[in-house]
PDB file of N, CA and C in Angstrom:
ATOM      1  N   UNK A   1       0.848  -1.178   0.000  1.00  0.00           N
ATOM      2  CA  UNK A   1       0.000   0.000   0.000  1.00  0.00           C
ATOM      3  C   UNK A   1       0.891   1.238   0.000  1.00  0.00           C
ATOM      4  N   UNK A   2       0.682   2.091  -0.956  1.00  0.00           N
ATOM      5  CA  UNK A   2       1.486   3.306  -1.012  1.00  0.00           C
ATOM      6  C   UNK A   2       0.647   4.496  -0.568  1.00  0.00           C
ATOM      7  N   UNK A   3       1.352   5.501  -0.131  1.00  0.00           N
ATOM      8  CA  UNK A   3       0.680   6.700   0.369  1.00  0.00           C
ATOM      9  C   UNK A   3       0.717   7.770  -0.708  1.00  0.00           C
ATOM     10  N   UNK A   4      -0.375   8.489  -0.862  1.00  0.00           N
ATOM     11  CA  UNK A   4      -0.408   9.623  -1.779  1.00  0.00           C
ATOM     12  C   UNK A   4       0.066  10.840  -0.994  1.00  0.00           C
ATOM     13  N   UNK A   5       1.359  11.119  -1.118  1.00  0.00           N
ATOM     14  CA  UNK A   5       1.957  12.192  -0.333  1.00  0.00           C
ATOM     15  C   UNK A   5       1.432  13.562  -0.733  1.00  0.00           C
ATOM     16  N   UNK A   6       1.052  13.724  -1.984  1.00  0.00           N
ATOM     17  CA  UNK A   6       0.508  15.011  -2.423  1.00  0.00           C
ATOM     18  C   UNK A   6      -0.807  15.302  -1.703  1.00  0.00           C
ATOM     19  N   UNK A   7      -1.667  14.310  -1.626  1.00  0.00           N
ATOM     20  CA  UNK A   7      -2.939  14.488  -0.910  1.00  0.00           C
ATOM     21  C   UNK A   7      -2.705  14.673   0.585  1.00  0.00           C
ATOM     22  N   UNK A   8      -1.747  13.935   1.124  1.00  0.00           N
ATOM     23  CA  UNK A   8      -1.438  14.071   2.548  1.00  0.00           C
ATOM     24  C   UNK A   8      -0.926  15.475   2.853  1.00  0.00           C
ATOM     25  N   UNK A   9      -0.101  16.020   1.960  1.00  0.00           N
ATOM     26  CA  UNK A   9       0.405  17.383   2.150  1.00  0.00           C
ATOM     27  C   UNK A   9      -0.741  18.382   2.139  1.00  0.00           C
ATOM     28  N   UNK A  10      -1.672  18.205   1.226  1.00  0.00           N
ATOM     29  CA  UNK A  10      -2.829  19.101   1.156  1.00  0.00           C
ATOM     30  C   UNK A  10      -3.625  19.054   2.452  1.00  0.00           C
ATOM     31  N   UNK A  11      -3.814  17.852   2.990  1.00  0.00           N
ATOM     32  CA  UNK A  11      -4.535  17.722   4.266  1.00  0.00           C
ATOM     33  C   UNK A  11      -3.782  18.413   5.400  1.00  0.00           C
ATOM     34  N   UNK A  12      -2.456  18.258   5.423  1.00  0.00           N
ATOM     35  CA  UNK A  12      -1.660  18.883   6.482  1.00  0.00           C
ATOM     36  C   UNK A  12      -1.709  20.404   6.388  1.00  0.00           C
ATOM     37  N   UNK A  13      -1.660  20.953   5.166  1.00  0.00           N
ATOM     38  CA  UNK A  13      -1.756  22.407   5.007  1.00  0.00           C
ATOM     39  C   UNK A  13      -3.096  22.900   5.527  1.00  0.00           C
ATOM     40  N   UNK A  14      -4.168  22.171   5.239  1.00  0.00           N
ATOM     41  CA  UNK A  14      -5.499  22.568   5.711  1.00  0.00           C
ATOM     42  C   UNK A  14      -5.565  22.522   7.237  1.00  0.00           C
ATOM     43  N   UNK A  15      -4.993  21.478   7.828  1.00  0.00           N
ATOM     44  CA  UNK A  15      -4.980  21.375   9.287  1.00  0.00           C
ATOM     45  C   UNK A  15      -4.139  22.491   9.901  1.00  0.00           C
ATOM     46  N   UNK A  16      -3.035  22.848   9.238  1.00  0.00           N
ATOM     47  CA  UNK A  16      -2.186  23.933   9.737  1.00  0.00           C
ATOM     48  C   UNK A  16      -2.939  25.257   9.715  1.00  0.00           C
ATOM     49  N   UNK A  17      -3.678  25.504   8.645  1.00  0.00           N
ATOM     50  CA  UNK A  17      -4.480  26.731   8.564  1.00  0.00           C
ATOM     51  C   UNK A  17      -5.514  26.771   9.682  1.00  0.00           C
ATOM     52  N   UNK A  18      -6.144  25.639   9.953  1.00  0.00           N
ATOM     53  CA  UNK A  18      -7.141  25.579  11.026  1.00  0.00           C
ATOM     54  C   UNK A  18      -6.486  25.827  12.384  1.00  0.00           C
ATOM     55  N   UNK A  19      -5.308  25.262  12.588  1.00  0.00           N
ATOM     56  CA  UNK A  19      -4.603  25.473  13.855  1.00  0.00           C
ATOM     57  C   UNK A  19      -4.238  26.942  14.032  1.00  0.00           C
ATOM     58  N   UNK A  20      -3.794  27.589  12.951  1.00  0.00           N
ATOM     59  CA  UNK A  20      -3.512  29.030  13.022  1.00  0.00           C
ATOM     60  C   UNK A  20      -4.774  29.797  13.397  1.00  0.00           C
ATOM     61  N   UNK A  21      -5.879  29.458  12.766  1.00  0.00           N
ATOM     62  CA  UNK A  21      -7.141  30.152  13.029  1.00  0.00           C
ATOM     63  C   UNK A  21      -7.582  29.983  14.485  1.00  0.00           C
ATOM     64  N   UNK A  22      -7.244  28.825  15.072  1.00  0.00           N
ATOM     65  CA  UNK A  22      -7.599  28.564  16.466  1.00  0.00           C
ATOM     66  C   UNK A  22      -6.574  29.149  17.433  1.00  0.00           C
ATOM     67  N   UNK A  23      -5.494  29.716  16.900  1.00  0.00           N
ATOM     68  CA  UNK A  23      -4.475  30.331  17.745  1.00  0.00           C
ATOM     69  C   UNK A  23      -3.403  29.381  18.240  1.00  0.00           C
ATOM     70  N   UNK A  24      -3.383  28.149  17.736  1.00  0.00           N
ATOM     71  CA  UNK A  24      -2.373  27.173  18.155  1.00  0.00           C
ATOM     72  C   UNK A  24      -1.219  27.207  17.156  1.00  0.00           C
ATOM     73  N   UNK A  25      -0.339  28.171  17.348  1.00  0.00           N
ATOM     74  CA  UNK A  25       0.734  28.391  16.383  1.00  0.00           C
ATOM     75  C   UNK A  25       1.820  27.315  16.455  1.00  0.00           C
ATOM     76  N   UNK A  26       1.996  26.719  17.625  1.00  0.00           N
ATOM     77  CA  UNK A  26       2.976  25.634  17.744  1.00  0.00           C
ATOM     78  C   UNK A  26       2.530  24.429  16.912  1.00  0.00           C
ATOM     79  N   UNK A  27       1.271  24.035  17.071  1.00  0.00           N
ATOM     80  CA  UNK A  27       0.741  22.917  16.282  1.00  0.00           C
ATOM     81  C   UNK A  27       0.773  23.255  14.797  1.00  0.00           C
ATOM     82  N   UNK A  28       0.413  24.487  14.461  1.00  0.00           N
ATOM     83  CA  UNK A  28       0.421  24.898  13.056  1.00  0.00           C
ATOM     84  C   UNK A  28       1.813  24.748  12.460  1.00  0.00           C
ATOM     85  N   UNK A  29       2.837  25.151  13.205  1.00  0.00           N
ATOM     86  CA  UNK A  29       4.213  25.042  12.711  1.00  0.00           C
ATOM     87  C   UNK A  29       4.598  23.581  12.493  1.00  0.00           C
ATOM     88  N   UNK A  30       4.205  22.709  13.411  1.00  0.00           N
ATOM     89  CA  UNK A  30       4.507  21.282  13.253  1.00  0.00           C
ATOM     90  C   UNK A  30       3.801  20.705  12.028  1.00  0.00           C
ATOM     91  N   UNK A  31       2.546  21.088  11.837  1.00  0.00           N
ATOM     92  CA  UNK A  31       1.795  20.603  10.678  1.00  0.00           C
ATOM     93  C   UNK A  31       2.387  21.133   9.376  1.00  0.00           C
ATOM     94  N   UNK A  32       2.853  22.377   9.377  1.00  0.00           N
ATOM     95  CA  UNK A  32       3.495  22.946   8.189  1.00  0.00           C
ATOM     96  C   UNK A  32       4.777  22.191   7.863  1.00  0.00           C
ATOM     97  N   UNK A  33       5.557  21.843   8.903  1.00  0.00           N
ATOM     98  CA  UNK A  33       6.773  21.057   8.680  1.00  0.00           C
ATOM     99  C   UNK A  33       6.435  19.700   8.065  1.00  0.00           C
ATOM    100  N   UNK A  34       5.405  19.060   8.599  1.00  0.00           N
ATOM    101  CA  UNK A  34       4.983  17.760   8.077  1.00  0.00           C
ATOM    102  C   UNK A  34       4.507  17.885   6.634  1.00  0.00           C
ATOM    103  N   UNK A  35       3.745  18.930   6.342  1.00  0.00           N
ATOM    104  CA  UNK A  35       3.273  19.153   4.972  1.00  0.00           C
ATOM    105  C   UNK A  35       4.455  19.322   4.026  1.00  0.00           C
ATOM    106  N   UNK A  36       5.464  20.052   4.461  1.00  0.00           N
ATOM    107  CA  UNK A  36       6.658  20.236   3.639  1.00  0.00           C
ATOM    108  C   UNK A  36       7.364  18.921   3.358  1.00  0.00           C
ATOM    109  N   UNK A  37       7.447  18.064   4.365  1.00  0.00           N
ATOM    110  CA  UNK A  37       8.055  16.746   4.166  1.00  0.00           C
ATOM    111  C   UNK A  37       7.245  15.918   3.177  1.00  0.00           C
ATOM    112  N   UNK A  38       5.932  15.939   3.325  1.00  0.00           N
ATOM    113  CA  UNK A  38       5.079  15.193   2.403  1.00  0.00           C
ATOM    114  C   UNK A  38       5.236  15.708   0.977  1.00  0.00           C
ATOM    115  N   UNK A  39       5.372  17.020   0.811  1.00  0.00           N
ATOM    116  CA  UNK A  39       5.594  17.568  -0.532  1.00  0.00           C
ATOM    117  C   UNK A  39       6.922  17.068  -1.097  1.00  0.00           C
ATOM    118  N   UNK A  40       7.940  17.014  -0.246  1.00  0.00           N
ATOM    119  CA  UNK A  40       9.240  16.498  -0.680  1.00  0.00           C
ATOM    120  C   UNK A  40       9.115  15.034  -1.090  1.00  0.00           C
ATOM    121  N   UNK A  41       8.418  14.237  -0.287  1.00  0.00           N
ATOM    122  CA  UNK A  41       8.230  12.822  -0.616  1.00  0.00           C
ATOM    123  C   UNK A  41       7.464  12.668  -1.929  1.00  0.00           C
ATOM    124  N   UNK A  42       6.479  13.525  -2.164  1.00  0.00           N
ATOM    125  CA  UNK A  42       5.704  13.470  -3.405  1.00  0.00           C
ATOM    126  C   UNK A  42       6.612  13.740  -4.601  1.00  0.00           C
ATOM    127  N   UNK A  43       7.500  14.733  -4.482  1.00  0.00           N
ATOM    128  CA  UNK A  43       8.444  15.024  -5.578  1.00  0.00           C
ATOM    129  C   UNK A  43       9.376  13.846  -5.813  1.00  0.00           C
ATOM    130  N   UNK A  44       9.843  13.228  -4.712  1.00  0.00           N
ATOM    131  CA  UNK A  44      10.724  12.070  -4.845  1.00  0.00           C
ATOM    132  C   UNK A  44      10.006  10.921  -5.548  1.00  0.00           C
ATOM    133  N   UNK A  45       8.746  10.688  -5.187  1.00  0.00           N
ATOM    134  CA  UNK A  45       7.971   9.629  -5.844  1.00  0.00           C
ATOM    135  C   UNK A  45       7.792   9.925  -7.326  1.00  0.00           C
ATOM    136  N   UNK A  46       7.568  11.188  -7.655  1.00  0.00           N
ATOM    137  CA  UNK A  46       7.317  11.589  -9.039  1.00  0.00           C
ATOM    138  C   UNK A  46       8.579  11.494  -9.889  1.00  0.00           C
ATOM    139  N   UNK A  47       9.699  11.949  -9.331  1.00  0.00           N
ATOM    140  CA  UNK A  47      10.934  12.028 -10.111  1.00  0.00           C
ATOM    141  C   UNK A  47      11.863  10.836  -9.925  1.00  0.00           C
ATOM    142  N   UNK A  48      11.705  10.127  -8.807  1.00  0.00           N
ATOM    143  CA  UNK A  48      12.624   9.036  -8.507  1.00  0.00           C
ATOM    144  C   UNK A  48      13.947   9.523  -7.959  1.00  0.00           C
ATOM    145  N   UNK A  49      14.062  10.828  -7.721  1.00  0.00           N
ATOM    146  CA  UNK A  49      15.296  11.418  -7.212  1.00  0.00           C
ATOM    147  C   UNK A  49      15.071  11.823  -5.766  1.00  0.00           C
ATOM    148  N   UNK A  50      15.946  11.330  -4.884  1.00  0.00           N
ATOM    149  CA  UNK A  50      15.823  11.681  -3.471  1.00  0.00           C
ATOM    150  C   UNK A  50      16.461  13.034  -3.220  1.00  0.00           C
ATOM    151  N   UNK A  51      15.785  13.828  -2.401  1.00  0.00           N
ATOM    152  CA  UNK A  51      16.315  15.143  -2.029  1.00  0.00           C
ATOM    153  C   UNK A  51      17.493  14.945  -1.080  1.00  0.00           C
ATOM    154  N   UNK A  52      18.452  15.854  -1.182  1.00  0.00           N
ATOM    155  CA  UNK A  52      19.649  15.742  -0.352  1.00  0.00           C
ATOM    156  C   UNK A  52      19.455  16.401   0.910  1.00  0.00           C
TER     157      UNK A  52
END
C-alpha cells in the first residue's frame, strides 16, 4: 500500500491553517513542517530522485 503524499500534504496544510485560526501556532508550525516533508516525498515519488 502506497501513500499519496501530495494528498497528505494538502490535508496537512489545511490542518495547519485551522490550527492558526484557532491560535495554536505551535501545532500549526509542526503541521506545516509535516506538509513540507510530504511535498518532498511526493516530488521524490514523481521524479525518482531523493532530495539531499
